[in-house]
Amino acid sequence: MDLYFLGLGIAALGSGIGIGIAVNGALQAMGRQPSIQGQLQTSMIIGAAFIEALTIYALVATYLRGGG
């Protein structure tokens, strides 16, 4: 049962790292070209939502497999 929580922790860690890298790239691009800030911000938010969805899937899978 503890391996489920370990997997969930690894998924959360990967998601956090992924969101950090995505936001870092978007902010650097916004700094280089402020004129496309709106497009980059929308793309960044959609990407962060997809990344965060993977963590939510891992949380749901953990509880469905008997972790909670």
Foldseek 3Di string as FASTA:
>chain_A
DVVLVVVLVVLVVVLVVVLVVLVVVLVVVCVVPVVCNVVSVVVSVVVNVVSVVSSVVSVVVSVVVPND
